[in-house]
Amino acid sequence: MVYEVSTNLISIFMFIEIEVKTAIIVHGFDTNNKEIEEVVEETEFIKKMVSIDRIQSISEKYILVTSAHNRIMYWEYKGSMEVIKDKLLSVNVLIA
């Protein structure tokens, strides 16, 4: 007797809305393992819905996020680190 099991997987993506502007794009590393950086001078913040899976770290000035083609970006954000923390807590992100 053969049983067929069907599994429906549901992916849940969690997002937070933040206002950011790109500050630095890291395109990889040189032969000395130094980051290859592109400094971006955006003047305006833009509102984005950001998947929390892209967020690598948050400092007082930047949010470090992953991007396409194995790049990482440092975004400046509007508001305080505490506001970002509250937004993450509101979608049940565990913060120790």
PDB file of N, CA and C in Angstrom:
ATOM      1  N   MET A   1       0.845  -1.166   0.000  1.00  0.00           N
ATOM      2  CA  MET A   1       0.000   0.000   0.000  1.00  0.00           C
ATOM      3  C   MET A   1       0.902   1.244   0.000  1.00  0.00           C
ATOM      4  N   VAL A   2       0.587   2.212  -0.827  1.00  0.00           N
ATOM      5  CA  VAL A   2       1.351   3.447  -0.937  1.00  0.00           C
ATOM      6  C   VAL A   2       0.482   4.604  -0.472  1.00  0.00           C
ATOM      7  N   TYR A   3       1.041   5.373   0.406  1.00  0.00           N
ATOM      8  CA  TYR A   3       0.345   6.564   0.875  1.00  0.00           C
ATOM      9  C   TYR A   3       1.018   7.796   0.290  1.00  0.00           C
ATOM     10  N   GLU A   4       0.228   8.709  -0.170  1.00  0.00           N
ATOM     11  CA  GLU A   4       0.776   9.960  -0.692  1.00  0.00           C
ATOM     12  C   GLU A   4       0.514  11.048   0.336  1.00  0.00           C
ATOM     13  N   VAL A   5       1.573  11.725   0.706  1.00  0.00           N
ATOM     14  CA  VAL A   5       1.453  12.786   1.698  1.00  0.00           C
ATOM     15  C   VAL A   5       1.617  14.121   0.994  1.00  0.00           C
ATOM     16  N   SER A   6       0.661  14.965   1.180  1.00  0.00           N
ATOM     17  CA  SER A   6       0.732  16.310   0.596  1.00  0.00           C
ATOM     18  C   SER A   6       0.991  17.302   1.717  1.00  0.00           C
ATOM     19  N   THR A   7       2.020  18.107   1.523  1.00  0.00           N
ATOM     20  CA  THR A   7       2.355  19.099   2.533  1.00  0.00           C
ATOM     21  C   THR A   7       2.230  20.478   1.915  1.00  0.00           C
ATOM     22  N   ASN A   8       1.427  21.309   2.524  1.00  0.00           N
ATOM     23  CA  ASN A   8       1.303  22.696   2.074  1.00  0.00           C
ATOM     24  C   ASN A   8       2.153  23.555   2.990  1.00  0.00           C
ATOM     25  N   LEU A   9       3.217  24.098   2.430  1.00  0.00           N
ATOM     26  CA  LEU A   9       4.094  24.960   3.212  1.00  0.00           C
ATOM     27  C   LEU A   9       3.687  26.400   2.993  1.00  0.00           C
ATOM     28  N   ILE A  10       3.584  27.117   4.054  1.00  0.00           N
ATOM     29  CA  ILE A  10       3.230  28.531   3.972  1.00  0.00           C
ATOM     30  C   ILE A  10       4.429  29.331   4.438  1.00  0.00           C
ATOM     31  N   SER A  11       4.900  30.206   3.579  1.00  0.00           N
ATOM     32  CA  SER A  11       5.990  31.101   3.955  1.00  0.00           C
ATOM     33  C   SER A  11       5.390  32.405   4.457  1.00  0.00           C
ATOM     34  N   ILE A  12       5.855  32.817   5.579  1.00  0.00           N
ATOM     35  CA  ILE A  12       5.380  34.077   6.143  1.00  0.00           C
ATOM     36  C   ILE A  12       6.543  35.044   6.152  1.00  0.00           C
ATOM     37  N   PHE A  13       6.364  36.137   5.438  1.00  0.00           N
ATOM     38  CA  PHE A  13       7.374  37.174   5.404  1.00  0.00           C
ATOM     39  C   PHE A  13       6.897  38.316   6.279  1.00  0.00           C
ATOM     40  N   MET A  14       7.765  38.780   7.147  1.00  0.00           N
ATOM     41  CA  MET A  14       7.394  39.866   8.040  1.00  0.00           C
ATOM     42  C   MET A  14       8.130  41.121   7.594  1.00  0.00           C
ATOM     43  N   PHE A  15       7.409  42.206   7.571  1.00  0.00           N
ATOM     44  CA  PHE A  15       7.943  43.475   7.116  1.00  0.00           C
ATOM     45  C   PHE A  15       7.733  44.550   8.172  1.00  0.00           C
ATOM     46  N   ILE A  16       8.627  45.535   8.138  1.00  0.00           N
ATOM     47  CA  ILE A  16       8.401  46.757   8.913  1.00  0.00           C
ATOM     48  C   ILE A  16       8.546  47.931   7.957  1.00  0.00           C
ATOM     49  N   GLU A  17       7.829  48.990   8.258  1.00  0.00           N
ATOM     50  CA  GLU A  17       7.918  50.199   7.441  1.00  0.00           C
ATOM     51  C   GLU A  17       8.916  51.150   8.089  1.00  0.00           C
ATOM     52  N   ILE A  18       9.910  51.567   7.310  1.00  0.00           N
ATOM     53  CA  ILE A  18      10.921  52.498   7.814  1.00  0.00           C
ATOM     54  C   ILE A  18      11.269  53.506   6.723  1.00  0.00           C
ATOM     55  N   GLU A  19      11.777  54.645   7.149  1.00  0.00           N
ATOM     56  CA  GLU A  19      12.258  55.648   6.206  1.00  0.00           C
ATOM     57  C   GLU A  19      13.775  55.593   6.208  1.00  0.00           C
ATOM     58  N   VAL A  20      14.336  55.363   5.016  1.00  0.00           N
ATOM     59  CA  VAL A  20      15.779  55.151   4.892  1.00  0.00           C
ATOM     60  C   VAL A  20      16.337  55.899   3.688  1.00  0.00           C
ATOM     61  N   LYS A  21      17.667  56.013   3.696  1.00  0.00           N
ATOM     62  CA  LYS A  21      18.397  56.421   2.500  1.00  0.00           C
ATOM     63  C   LYS A  21      19.696  55.632   2.489  1.00  0.00           C
ATOM     64  N   THR A  22      20.084  55.193   1.297  1.00  0.00           N
ATOM     65  CA  THR A  22      21.294  54.391   1.163  1.00  0.00           C
ATOM     66  C   THR A  22      22.508  55.255   1.451  1.00  0.00           C
ATOM     67  N   ALA A  23      23.409  54.741   2.282  1.00  0.00           N
ATOM     68  CA  ALA A  23      24.634  55.463   2.626  1.00  0.00           C
ATOM     69  C   ALA A  23      25.854  54.798   2.001  1.00  0.00           C
ATOM     70  N   ILE A  24      25.947  53.475   2.128  1.00  0.00           N
ATOM     71  CA  ILE A  24      27.109  52.736   1.626  1.00  0.00           C
ATOM     72  C   ILE A  24      26.625  51.418   1.035  1.00  0.00           C
ATOM     73  N   ILE A  25      27.165  51.086  -0.148  1.00  0.00           N
ATOM     74  CA  ILE A  25      26.919  49.779  -0.749  1.00  0.00           C
ATOM     75  C   ILE A  25      28.257  49.050  -0.769  1.00  0.00           C
ATOM     76  N   VAL A  26      28.280  47.837  -0.224  1.00  0.00           N
ATOM     77  CA  VAL A  26      29.498  47.025  -0.235  1.00  0.00           C
ATOM     78  C   VAL A  26      29.357  46.023  -1.379  1.00  0.00           C
ATOM     79  N   HIS A  27      30.262  46.131  -2.360  1.00  0.00           N
ATOM     80  CA  HIS A  27      30.198  45.312  -3.569  1.00  0.00           C
ATOM     81  C   HIS A  27      31.024  44.039  -3.468  1.00  0.00           C
ATOM     82  N   GLY A  28      31.663  43.809  -2.338  1.00  0.00           N
ATOM     83  CA  GLY A  28      32.500  42.633  -2.173  1.00  0.00           C
ATOM     84  C   GLY A  28      33.799  43.017  -1.493  1.00  0.00           C
ATOM     85  N   PHE A  29      34.831  42.220  -1.726  1.00  0.00           N
ATOM     86  CA  PHE A  29      36.111  42.427  -1.061  1.00  0.00           C
ATOM     87  C   PHE A  29      37.231  42.364  -2.079  1.00  0.00           C
ATOM     88  N   ASP A  30      38.282  43.155  -1.842  1.00  0.00           N
ATOM     89  CA  ASP A  30      39.443  43.122  -2.736  1.00  0.00           C
ATOM     90  C   ASP A  30      40.383  41.986  -2.334  1.00  0.00           C
ATOM     91  N   THR A  31      41.535  41.908  -2.967  1.00  0.00           N
ATOM     92  CA  THR A  31      42.469  40.811  -2.697  1.00  0.00           C
ATOM     93  C   THR A  31      43.062  40.875  -1.297  1.00  0.00           C
ATOM     94  N   ASN A  32      42.974  42.041  -0.649  1.00  0.00           N
ATOM     95  CA  ASN A  32      43.451  42.188   0.730  1.00  0.00           C
ATOM     96  C   ASN A  32      42.314  42.050   1.744  1.00  0.00           C
ATOM     97  N   ASN A  33      41.164  41.552   1.268  1.00  0.00           N
ATOM     98  CA  ASN A  33      39.991  41.348   2.116  1.00  0.00           C
ATOM     99  C   ASN A  33      39.419  42.659   2.674  1.00  0.00           C
ATOM    100  N   LYS A  34      39.655  43.754   1.975  1.00  0.00           N
ATOM    101  CA  LYS A  34      39.097  45.046   2.350  1.00  0.00           C
ATOM    102  C   LYS A  34      37.806  45.252   1.559  1.00  0.00           C
ATOM    103  N   GLU A  35      36.774  45.779   2.239  1.00  0.00           N
ATOM    104  CA  GLU A  35      35.497  45.990   1.577  1.00  0.00           C
ATOM    105  C   GLU A  35      35.640  46.953   0.397  1.00  0.00           C
ATOM    106  N   ILE A  36      34.977  46.635  -0.706  1.00  0.00           N
ATOM    107  CA  ILE A  36      34.892  47.541  -1.843  1.00  0.00           C
ATOM    108  C   ILE A  36      33.598  48.321  -1.656  1.00  0.00           C
ATOM    109  N   GLU A  37      33.725  49.570  -1.261  1.00  0.00           N
ATOM    110  CA  GLU A  37      32.569  50.380  -0.877  1.00  0.00           C
ATOM    111  C   GLU A  37      32.254  51.452  -1.909  1.00  0.00           C
ATOM    112  N   GLU A  38      30.970  51.662  -2.084  1.00  0.00           N
ATOM    113  CA  GLU A  38      30.470  52.782  -2.868  1.00  0.00           C
ATOM    114  C   GLU A  38      29.695  53.671  -1.905  1.00  0.00           C
ATOM    115  N   VAL A  39      30.164  54.888  -1.703  1.00  0.00           N
ATOM    116  CA  VAL A  39      29.468  55.825  -0.822  1.00  0.00           C
ATOM    117  C   VAL A  39      28.402  56.538  -1.644  1.00  0.00           C
ATOM    118  N   VAL A  40      27.175  56.491  -1.152  1.00  0.00           N
ATOM    119  CA  VAL A  40      26.037  57.078  -1.847  1.00  0.00           C
ATOM    120  C   VAL A  40      25.595  58.304  -1.055  1.00  0.00           C
ATOM    121  N   GLU A  41      25.344  59.389  -1.766  1.00  0.00           N
ATOM    122  CA  GLU A  41      24.949  60.613  -1.070  1.00  0.00           C
ATOM    123  C   GLU A  41      23.518  60.988  -1.429  1.00  0.00           C
ATOM    124  N   GLU A  42      22.586  60.194  -0.950  1.00  0.00           N
ATOM    125  CA  GLU A  42      21.176  60.496  -1.149  1.00  0.00           C
ATOM    126  C   GLU A  42      20.775  61.587  -0.171  1.00  0.00           C
ATOM    127  N   THR A  43      19.931  62.491  -0.610  1.00  0.00           N
ATOM    128  CA  THR A  43      19.534  63.597   0.259  1.00  0.00           C
ATOM    129  C   THR A  43      18.183  63.367   0.923  1.00  0.00           C
ATOM    130  N   GLU A  44      17.339  62.584   0.300  1.00  0.00           N
ATOM    131  CA  GLU A  44      15.992  62.373   0.814  1.00  0.00           C
ATOM    132  C   GLU A  44      15.808  60.968   1.381  1.00  0.00           C
ATOM    133  N   PHE A  45      15.092  60.883   2.485  1.00  0.00           N
ATOM    134  CA  PHE A  45      14.679  59.588   3.009  1.00  0.00           C
ATOM    135  C   PHE A  45      13.474  59.125   2.201  1.00  0.00           C
ATOM    136  N   ILE A  46      13.385  57.808   1.979  1.00  0.00           N
ATOM    137  CA  ILE A  46      12.211  57.244   1.330  1.00  0.00           C
ATOM    138  C   ILE A  46      11.610  56.172   2.232  1.00  0.00           C
ATOM    139  N   LYS A  47      10.311  56.048   2.146  1.00  0.00           N
ATOM    140  CA  LYS A  47       9.600  55.064   2.961  1.00  0.00           C
ATOM    141  C   LYS A  47       9.671  53.714   2.265  1.00  0.00           C
ATOM    142  N   LYS A  48      10.057  52.680   3.011  1.00  0.00           N
ATOM    143  CA  LYS A  48      10.161  51.320   2.468  1.00  0.00           C
ATOM    144  C   LYS A  48       9.490  50.336   3.408  1.00  0.00           C
ATOM    145  N   MET A  49       8.956  49.285   2.795  1.00  0.00           N
ATOM    146  CA  MET A  49       8.524  48.116   3.540  1.00  0.00           C
ATOM    147  C   MET A  49       9.667  47.126   3.413  1.00  0.00           C
ATOM    148  N   VAL A  50      10.337  46.819   4.516  1.00  0.00           N
ATOM    149  CA  VAL A  50      11.553  46.010   4.487  1.00  0.00           C
ATOM    150  C   VAL A  50      11.288  44.665   5.153  1.00  0.00           C
ATOM    151  N   SER A  51      11.655  43.609   4.460  1.00  0.00           N
ATOM    152  CA  SER A  51      11.558  42.276   5.051  1.00  0.00           C
ATOM    153  C   SER A  51      12.563  42.182   6.195  1.00  0.00           C
ATOM    154  N   ILE A  52      12.108  41.766   7.347  1.00  0.00           N
ATOM    155  CA  ILE A  52      13.015  41.703   8.491  1.00  0.00           C
ATOM    156  C   ILE A  52      14.107  40.657   8.282  1.00  0.00           C
ATOM    157  N   ASP A  53      13.905  39.734   7.349  1.00  0.00           N
ATOM    158  CA  ASP A  53      14.946  38.741   7.039  1.00  0.00           C
ATOM    159  C   ASP A  53      16.175  39.376   6.403  1.00  0.00           C
ATOM    160  N   ARG A  54      16.028  40.555   5.828  1.00  0.00           N
ATOM    161  CA  ARG A  54      17.160  41.237   5.193  1.00  0.00           C
ATOM    162  C   ARG A  54      18.022  41.986   6.205  1.00  0.00           C
ATOM    163  N   ILE A  55      17.484  42.262   7.372  1.00  0.00           N
ATOM    164  CA  ILE A  55      18.203  43.065   8.366  1.00  0.00           C
ATOM    165  C   ILE A  55      19.258  42.209   9.054  1.00  0.00           C
ATOM    166  N   GLN A  56      20.519  42.677   8.993  1.00  0.00           N
ATOM    167  CA  GLN A  56      21.633  41.964   9.618  1.00  0.00           C
ATOM    168  C   GLN A  56      21.999  42.569  10.967  1.00  0.00           C
ATOM    169  N   SER A  57      21.967  43.898  11.048  1.00  0.00           N
ATOM    170  CA  SER A  57      22.251  44.567  12.320  1.00  0.00           C
ATOM    171  C   SER A  57      21.723  45.992  12.268  1.00  0.00           C
ATOM    172  N   ILE A  58      21.611  46.573  13.451  1.00  0.00           N
ATOM    173  CA  ILE A  58      21.125  47.943  13.586  1.00  0.00           C
ATOM    174  C   ILE A  58      22.034  48.661  14.574  1.00  0.00           C
ATOM    175  N   SER A  59      22.509  49.828  14.159  1.00  0.00           N
ATOM    176  CA  SER A  59      23.309  50.660  15.061  1.00  0.00           C
ATOM    177  C   SER A  59      22.562  51.981  15.263  1.00  0.00           C
ATOM    178  N   GLU A  60      23.173  52.882  16.006  1.00  0.00           N
ATOM    179  CA  GLU A  60      22.541  54.185  16.228  1.00  0.00           C
ATOM    180  C   GLU A  60      22.383  54.972  14.934  1.00  0.00           C
ATOM    181  N   LYS A  61      23.192  54.651  13.914  1.00  0.00           N
ATOM    182  CA  LYS A  61      23.151  55.417  12.673  1.00  0.00           C
ATOM    183  C   LYS A  61      22.673  54.619  11.467  1.00  0.00           C
ATOM    184  N   TYR A  62      23.004  53.324  11.420  1.00  0.00           N
ATOM    185  CA  TYR A  62      22.741  52.536  10.221  1.00  0.00           C
ATOM    186  C   TYR A  62      21.960  51.265  10.506  1.00  0.00           C
ATOM    187  N   ILE A  63      21.240  50.831   9.455  1.00  0.00           N
ATOM    188  CA  ILE A  63      20.703  49.476   9.392  1.00  0.00           C
ATOM    189  C   ILE A  63      21.510  48.771   8.306  1.00  0.00           C
ATOM    190  N   LEU A  64      22.095  47.643   8.633  1.00  0.00           N
ATOM    191  CA  LEU A  64      22.849  46.852   7.675  1.00  0.00           C
ATOM    192  C   LEU A  64      21.900  45.813   7.095  1.00  0.00           C
ATOM    193  N   VAL A  65      21.729  45.842   5.760  1.00  0.00           N
ATOM    194  CA  VAL A  65      20.797  44.920   5.103  1.00  0.00           C
ATOM    195  C   VAL A  65      21.488  44.172   3.970  1.00  0.00           C
ATOM    196  N   THR A  66      20.958  42.997   3.676  1.00  0.00           N
ATOM    197  CA  THR A  66      21.446  42.248   2.528  1.00  0.00           C
ATOM    198  C   THR A  66      20.739  42.753   1.282  1.00  0.00           C
ATOM    199  N   SER A  67      21.409  42.543   0.138  1.00  0.00           N
ATOM    200  CA  SER A  67      20.872  43.002  -1.130  1.00  0.00           C
ATOM    201  C   SER A  67      21.158  41.954  -2.200  1.00  0.00           C
ATOM    202  N   ALA A  68      20.782  42.258  -3.425  1.00  0.00           N
ATOM    203  CA  ALA A  68      21.014  41.338  -4.541  1.00  0.00           C
ATOM    204  C   ALA A  68      22.502  41.225  -4.854  1.00  0.00           C
ATOM    205  N   HIS A  69      22.865  40.153  -5.523  1.00  0.00           N
ATOM    206  CA  HIS A  69      24.227  39.912  -6.005  1.00  0.00           C
ATOM    207  C   HIS A  69      25.258  39.876  -4.868  1.00  0.00           C
ATOM    208  N   ASN A  70      24.869  39.324  -3.728  1.00  0.00           N
ATOM    209  CA  ASN A  70      25.754  39.177  -2.565  1.00  0.00           C
ATOM    210  C   ASN A  70      26.291  40.506  -2.044  1.00  0.00           C
ATOM    211  N   ARG A  71      25.547  41.546  -2.207  1.00  0.00           N
ATOM    212  CA  ARG A  71      25.954  42.852  -1.683  1.00  0.00           C
ATOM    213  C   ARG A  71      25.283  43.083  -0.341  1.00  0.00           C
ATOM    214  N   ILE A  72      25.907  43.971   0.418  1.00  0.00           N
ATOM    215  CA  ILE A  72      25.260  44.460   1.634  1.00  0.00           C
ATOM    216  C   ILE A  72      25.215  45.978   1.543  1.00  0.00           C
ATOM    217  N   MET A  73      24.245  46.553   2.222  1.00  0.00           N
ATOM    218  CA  MET A  73      24.080  48.004   2.194  1.00  0.00           C
ATOM    219  C   MET A  73      23.899  48.532   3.609  1.00  0.00           C
ATOM    220  N   TYR A  74      24.464  49.691   3.825  1.00  0.00           N
ATOM    221  CA  TYR A  74      24.223  50.428   5.056  1.00  0.00           C
ATOM    222  C   TYR A  74      23.215  51.517   4.734  1.00  0.00           C
ATOM    223  N   TRP A  75      22.082  51.477   5.416  1.00  0.00           N
ATOM    224  CA  TRP A  75      21.073  52.504   5.240  1.00  0.00           C
ATOM    225  C   TRP A  75      21.065  53.410   6.458  1.00  0.00           C
ATOM    226  N   GLU A  76      21.026  54.715   6.229  1.00  0.00           N
ATOM    227  CA  GLU A  76      20.708  55.640   7.313  1.00  0.00           C
ATOM    228  C   GLU A  76      19.202  55.585   7.476  1.00  0.00           C
ATOM    229  N   TYR A  77      18.729  55.732   8.695  1.00  0.00           N
ATOM    230  CA  TYR A  77      17.288  55.683   8.906  1.00  0.00           C
ATOM    231  C   TYR A  77      16.815  56.887   9.690  1.00  0.00           C
ATOM    232  N   LYS A  78      15.550  57.206   9.480  1.00  0.00           N
ATOM    233  CA  LYS A  78      14.930  58.339  10.161  1.00  0.00           C
ATOM    234  C   LYS A  78      14.360  57.839  11.482  1.00  0.00           C
ATOM    235  N   GLY A  79      14.599  58.569  12.537  1.00  0.00           N
ATOM    236  CA  GLY A  79      14.106  58.166  13.846  1.00  0.00           C
ATOM    237  C   GLY A  79      15.238  57.627  14.703  1.00  0.00           C
ATOM    238  N   SER A  80      14.862  56.916  15.732  1.00  0.00           N
ATOM    239  CA  SER A  80      15.858  56.402  16.682  1.00  0.00           C
ATOM    240  C   SER A  80      15.914  54.880  16.631  1.00  0.00           C
ATOM    241  N   MET A  81      16.978  54.363  17.200  1.00  0.00           N
ATOM    242  CA  MET A  81      17.132  52.915  17.305  1.00  0.00           C
ATOM    243  C   MET A  81      15.992  52.323  18.135  1.00  0.00           C
ATOM    244  N   GLU A  82      15.551  53.056  19.114  1.00  0.00           N
ATOM    245  CA  GLU A  82      14.450  52.600  19.971  1.00  0.00           C
ATOM    246  C   GLU A  82      13.156  52.430  19.170  1.00  0.00           C
ATOM    247  N   VAL A  83      12.903  53.327  18.222  1.00  0.00           N
ATOM    248  CA  VAL A  83      11.715  53.220  17.366  1.00  0.00           C
ATOM    249  C   VAL A  83      11.798  51.968  16.497  1.00  0.00           C
ATOM    250  N   ILE A  84      12.980  51.712  15.920  1.00  0.00           N
ATOM    251  CA  ILE A  84      13.170  50.506  15.107  1.00  0.00           C
ATOM    252  C   ILE A  84      12.982  49.260  15.973  1.00  0.00           C
ATOM    253  N   LYS A  85      13.530  49.291  17.171  1.00  0.00           N
ATOM    254  CA  LYS A  85      13.381  48.160  18.096  1.00  0.00           C
ATOM    255  C   LYS A  85      11.899  47.911  18.402  1.00  0.00           C
ATOM    256  N   ASP A  86      11.158  48.964  18.659  1.00  0.00           N
ATOM    257  CA  ASP A  86       9.719  48.821  18.931  1.00  0.00           C
ATOM    258  C   ASP A  86       8.967  48.246  17.742  1.00  0.00           C
ATOM    259  N   LYS A  87       9.339  48.665  16.530  1.00  0.00           N
ATOM    260  CA  LYS A  87       8.692  48.118  15.338  1.00  0.00           C
ATOM    261  C   LYS A  87       8.966  46.619  15.223  1.00  0.00           C
ATOM    262  N   LEU A  88      10.204  46.212  15.489  1.00  0.00           N
ATOM    263  CA  LEU A  88      10.544  44.789  15.432  1.00  0.00           C
ATOM    264  C   LEU A  88       9.809  44.002  16.511  1.00  0.00           C
ATOM    265  N   LEU A  89       9.746  44.549  17.698  1.00  0.00           N
ATOM    266  CA  LEU A  89       9.011  43.875  18.775  1.00  0.00           C
ATOM    267  C   LEU A  89       7.528  43.748  18.438  1.00  0.00           C
ATOM    268  N   SER A  90       6.981  44.723  17.704  1.00  0.00           N
ATOM    269  CA  SER A  90       5.548  44.696  17.368  1.00  0.00           C
ATOM    270  C   SER A  90       5.215  43.557  16.410  1.00  0.00           C
ATOM    271  N   VAL A  91       6.210  43.026  15.692  1.00  0.00           N
ATOM    272  CA  VAL A  91       5.975  41.872  14.818  1.00  0.00           C
ATOM    273  C   VAL A  91       6.591  40.602  15.416  1.00  0.00           C
ATOM    274  N   ASN A  92       6.780  40.649  16.733  1.00  0.00           N
ATOM    275  CA  ASN A  92       7.224  39.487  17.519  1.00  0.00           C
ATOM    276  C   ASN A  92       8.638  39.008  17.219  1.00  0.00           C
ATOM    277  N   VAL A  93       9.514  39.927  16.820  1.00  0.00           N
ATOM    278  CA  VAL A  93      10.928  39.585  16.687  1.00  0.00           C
ATOM    279  C   VAL A  93      11.499  39.526  18.101  1.00  0.00           C
ATOM    280  N   LEU A  94      12.222  38.460  18.396  1.00  0.00           N
ATOM    281  CA  LEU A  94      12.786  38.296  19.727  1.00  0.00           C
ATOM    282  C   LEU A  94      14.064  39.130  19.840  1.00  0.00           C
ATOM    283  N   ILE A  95      14.107  39.970  20.851  1.00  0.00           N
ATOM    284  CA  ILE A  95      15.287  40.783  21.131  1.00  0.00           C
ATOM    285  C   ILE A  95      15.693  40.515  22.569  1.00  0.00           C
ATOM    286  N   ALA A  96      16.895  40.046  22.755  1.00  0.00           N
ATOM    287  CA  ALA A  96      17.351  39.676  24.100  1.00  0.00           C
ATOM    288  C   ALA A  96      17.881  40.886  24.829  1.00  0.00           C
TER     289      ALA A  96
END
